[in-house]
Amino acid sequence: MSLEYTTAKNRKNPIPFMIDGREFVFTPKKLAGPVLRMLDGDNNVGGVLDWFAEGLTPEDEDFLSKRLADEEDELDIDTILEIVEGLIEQMVGRPTKSRRGLRRSR
C-alpha cells in the first residue's frame, strides 16, 4: 500500500499585521521558492525578504524599506523576520516551531 497525499489549497486570504501602530496587509505568495533556495545553501535571508516584499503593497514595501535604511529608526531585520515567521504560521495553519514540552525527551 502506498502513501497518498492531497495538495492543500494555498491560503491566499490577506493577513493584516501591525508594526508600531500602523496596519499592513500581506497577500500570501507561494513559499516553495524561498524555501528551496535556503535548502540549496542560500543562507542569506534575501529570498525570504523578497517573498515578504512581494506580498506587500508597493507603498508598504517602500515605507518599510525606508524605515529599515534609516539608521535612526529602531525597526530592524529581526522584527521583519519575526513578522515573516508569524505570517508563515498563519498561512500553513500551524506553528513554525515546536512548543516547549510537546516533544518527548530522548
C-alpha atoms as a PDB file:
ATOM      1  CA  MET A   1       0.000   0.000   0.000  1.00  0.00           C
ATOM      2  CA  SER A   2       1.460   3.355  -0.980  1.00  0.00           C
ATOM      3  CA  LEU A   3       1.139   6.607   0.907  1.00  0.00           C
ATOM      4  CA  GLU A   4      -1.243   9.056  -0.679  1.00  0.00           C
ATOM      5  CA  TYR A   5      -1.250  12.821  -0.274  1.00  0.00           C
ATOM      6  CA  THR A   6      -3.530  15.590  -1.450  1.00  0.00           C
ATOM      7  CA  THR A   7      -2.154  19.043  -2.107  1.00  0.00           C
ATOM      8  CA  ALA A   8      -3.553  21.547   0.347  1.00  0.00           C
ATOM      9  CA  LYS A   9      -5.249  24.576  -1.104  1.00  0.00           C
ATOM     10  CA  ASN A  10      -2.959  27.610  -0.973  1.00  0.00           C
ATOM     11  CA  ARG A  11      -4.176  30.178   1.506  1.00  0.00           C
ATOM     12  CA  LYS A  12      -4.465  33.449  -0.330  1.00  0.00           C
ATOM     13  CA  ASN A  13      -6.536  35.433   2.152  1.00  0.00           C
ATOM     14  CA  PRO A  14      -4.832  38.718   3.053  1.00  0.00           C
ATOM     15  CA  ILE A  15      -3.242  38.707   6.507  1.00  0.00           C
ATOM     16  CA  PRO A  16      -3.259  42.001   8.422  1.00  0.00           C
ATOM     17  CA  PHE A  17      -0.427  42.793  10.836  1.00  0.00           C
ATOM     18  CA  MET A  18       0.707  45.834  12.792  1.00  0.00           C
ATOM     19  CA  ILE A  19       4.084  47.486  13.271  1.00  0.00           C
ATOM     20  CA  ASP A  20       4.291  50.345  15.749  1.00  0.00           C
ATOM     21  CA  GLY A  21       0.581  51.103  15.448  1.00  0.00           C
ATOM     22  CA  ARG A  22       0.428  51.079  11.631  1.00  0.00           C
ATOM     23  CA  GLU A  23      -1.556  48.341   9.919  1.00  0.00           C
ATOM     24  CA  PHE A  24      -0.158  46.474   6.930  1.00  0.00           C
ATOM     25  CA  VAL A  25      -1.791  43.796   4.808  1.00  0.00           C
ATOM     26  CA  PHE A  26       0.202  40.849   3.457  1.00  0.00           C
ATOM     27  CA  THR A  27      -1.149  38.898   0.476  1.00  0.00           C
ATOM     28  CA  PRO A  28       0.376  35.405   0.700  1.00  0.00           C
ATOM     29  CA  LYS A  29       2.570  34.089  -2.099  1.00  0.00           C
ATOM     30  CA  LYS A  30       3.780  30.525  -2.621  1.00  0.00           C
ATOM     31  CA  LEU A  31       6.517  29.587  -0.134  1.00  0.00           C
ATOM     32  CA  ALA A  32       8.373  26.996  -2.215  1.00  0.00           C
ATOM     33  CA  GLY A  33      10.802  29.374  -3.951  1.00  0.00           C
ATOM     34  CA  PRO A  34      12.424  30.911  -0.862  1.00  0.00           C
ATOM     35  CA  VAL A  35      12.435  27.593   0.977  1.00  0.00           C
ATOM     36  CA  LEU A  36      14.117  25.747  -1.903  1.00  0.00           C
ATOM     37  CA  ARG A  37      16.760  28.480  -2.204  1.00  0.00           C
ATOM     38  CA  MET A  38      17.546  28.132   1.507  1.00  0.00           C
ATOM     39  CA  LEU A  39      17.769  24.345   1.182  1.00  0.00           C
ATOM     40  CA  ASP A  40      20.207  24.805  -1.707  1.00  0.00           C
ATOM     41  CA  GLY A  41      22.556  26.584   0.676  1.00  0.00           C
ATOM     42  CA  ASP A  42      21.449  30.174   0.232  1.00  0.00           C
ATOM     43  CA  ASN A  43      21.987  31.097   3.870  1.00  0.00           C
ATOM     44  CA  ASN A  44      21.131  34.749   3.472  1.00  0.00           C
ATOM     45  CA  VAL A  45      17.607  35.901   4.091  1.00  0.00           C
ATOM     46  CA  GLY A  46      17.267  37.698   0.749  1.00  0.00           C
ATOM     47  CA  GLY A  47      14.828  35.180  -0.724  1.00  0.00           C
ATOM     48  CA  VAL A  48      12.622  35.347   2.336  1.00  0.00           C
ATOM     49  CA  LEU A  49      12.686  39.148   2.308  1.00  0.00           C
ATOM     50  CA  ASP A  50      11.826  39.177  -1.408  1.00  0.00           C
ATOM     51  CA  TRP A  51       8.890  36.845  -0.680  1.00  0.00           C
ATOM     52  CA  PHE A  52       7.727  39.155   2.124  1.00  0.00           C
ATOM     53  CA  ALA A  53       8.042  42.260  -0.074  1.00  0.00           C
ATOM     54  CA  GLU A  54       6.063  40.632  -2.898  1.00  0.00           C
ATOM     55  CA  GLY A  55       3.106  40.217  -0.549  1.00  0.00           C
ATOM     56  CA  LEU A  56       3.017  43.908   0.413  1.00  0.00           C
ATOM     57  CA  THR A  57       1.579  46.832  -1.489  1.00  0.00           C
ATOM     58  CA  PRO A  58       4.249  48.938  -3.219  1.00  0.00           C
ATOM     59  CA  GLU A  59       3.531  51.753  -0.752  1.00  0.00           C
ATOM     60  CA  ASP A  60       4.003  49.497   2.288  1.00  0.00           C
ATOM     61  CA  GLU A  61       7.159  47.973   0.836  1.00  0.00           C
ATOM     62  CA  ASP A  62       8.588  51.455   0.239  1.00  0.00           C
ATOM     63  CA  PHE A  63       7.607  52.598   3.747  1.00  0.00           C
ATOM     64  CA  LEU A  64       9.288  49.600   5.411  1.00  0.00           C
ATOM     65  CA  SER A  65      12.363  49.819   3.180  1.00  0.00           C
ATOM     66  CA  LYS A  66      12.861  53.451   4.185  1.00  0.00           C
ATOM     67  CA  ARG A  67      12.469  52.598   7.865  1.00  0.00           C
ATOM     68  CA  LEU A  68      14.982  49.752   7.577  1.00  0.00           C
ATOM     69  CA  ALA A  69      17.502  52.007   5.806  1.00  0.00           C
ATOM     70  CA  ASP A  70      17.149  54.814   8.370  1.00  0.00           C
ATOM     71  CA  GLU A  71      19.957  54.482  10.936  1.00  0.00           C
ATOM     72  CA  GLU A  72      17.885  56.423  13.482  1.00  0.00           C
ATOM     73  CA  ASP A  73      14.855  54.113  13.184  1.00  0.00           C
ATOM     74  CA  GLU A  74      14.598  51.205  15.620  1.00  0.00           C
ATOM     75  CA  LEU A  75      12.954  48.867  13.077  1.00  0.00           C
ATOM     76  CA  ASP A  76      15.481  46.212  12.090  1.00  0.00           C
ATOM     77  CA  ILE A  77      15.644  42.887  10.302  1.00  0.00           C
ATOM     78  CA  ASP A  78      14.969  40.849  13.448  1.00  0.00           C
ATOM     79  CA  THR A  79      11.479  42.349  13.684  1.00  0.00           C
ATOM     80  CA  ILE A  80      10.821  41.677   9.989  1.00  0.00           C
ATOM     81  CA  LEU A  81      11.908  38.054  10.358  1.00  0.00           C
ATOM     82  CA  GLU A  82       9.618  37.675  13.375  1.00  0.00           C
ATOM     83  CA  ILE A  83       6.742  39.021  11.260  1.00  0.00           C
ATOM     84  CA  VAL A  84       7.611  36.620   8.423  1.00  0.00           C
ATOM     85  CA  GLU A  85       7.539  33.716  10.873  1.00  0.00           C
ATOM     86  CA  GLY A  86       4.093  34.778  12.081  1.00  0.00           C
ATOM     87  CA  LEU A  87       2.819  35.129   8.508  1.00  0.00           C
ATOM     88  CA  ILE A  88       4.024  31.632   7.637  1.00  0.00           C
ATOM     89  CA  GLU A  89       2.281  30.248  10.720  1.00  0.00           C
ATOM     90  CA  GLN A  90      -0.938  31.911   9.578  1.00  0.00           C
ATOM     91  CA  MET A  91      -0.561  30.536   6.054  1.00  0.00           C
ATOM     92  CA  VAL A  92       0.122  26.935   6.981  1.00  0.00           C
ATOM     93  CA  GLY A  93      -2.193  26.905   9.974  1.00  0.00           C
ATOM     94  CA  ARG A  94       0.332  25.663  12.483  1.00  0.00           C
ATOM     95  CA  PRO A  95       3.349  26.967  14.433  1.00  0.00           C
ATOM     96  CA  THR A  96       6.719  27.018  12.666  1.00  0.00           C
ATOM     97  CA  LYS A  97       8.464  25.739  15.813  1.00  0.00           C
ATOM     98  CA  SER A  98       7.579  23.010  18.249  1.00  0.00           C
ATOM     99  CA  ARG A  99       6.312  24.332  21.543  1.00  0.00           C
ATOM    100  CA  ARG A 100       8.264  23.688  24.715  1.00  0.00           C
ATOM    101  CA  GLY A 101       7.215  20.479  26.442  1.00  0.00           C
ATOM    102  CA  LEU A 102       5.472  18.873  23.474  1.00  0.00           C
ATOM    103  CA  ARG A 103       8.395  16.687  22.432  1.00  0.00           C
ATOM    104  CA  ARG A 104       9.371  13.558  24.285  1.00  0.00           C
ATOM    105  CA  SER A 105      12.809  13.555  25.829  1.00  0.00           C
ATOM    106  CA  ARG A 106      15.173  11.028  24.276  1.00  0.00           C
END
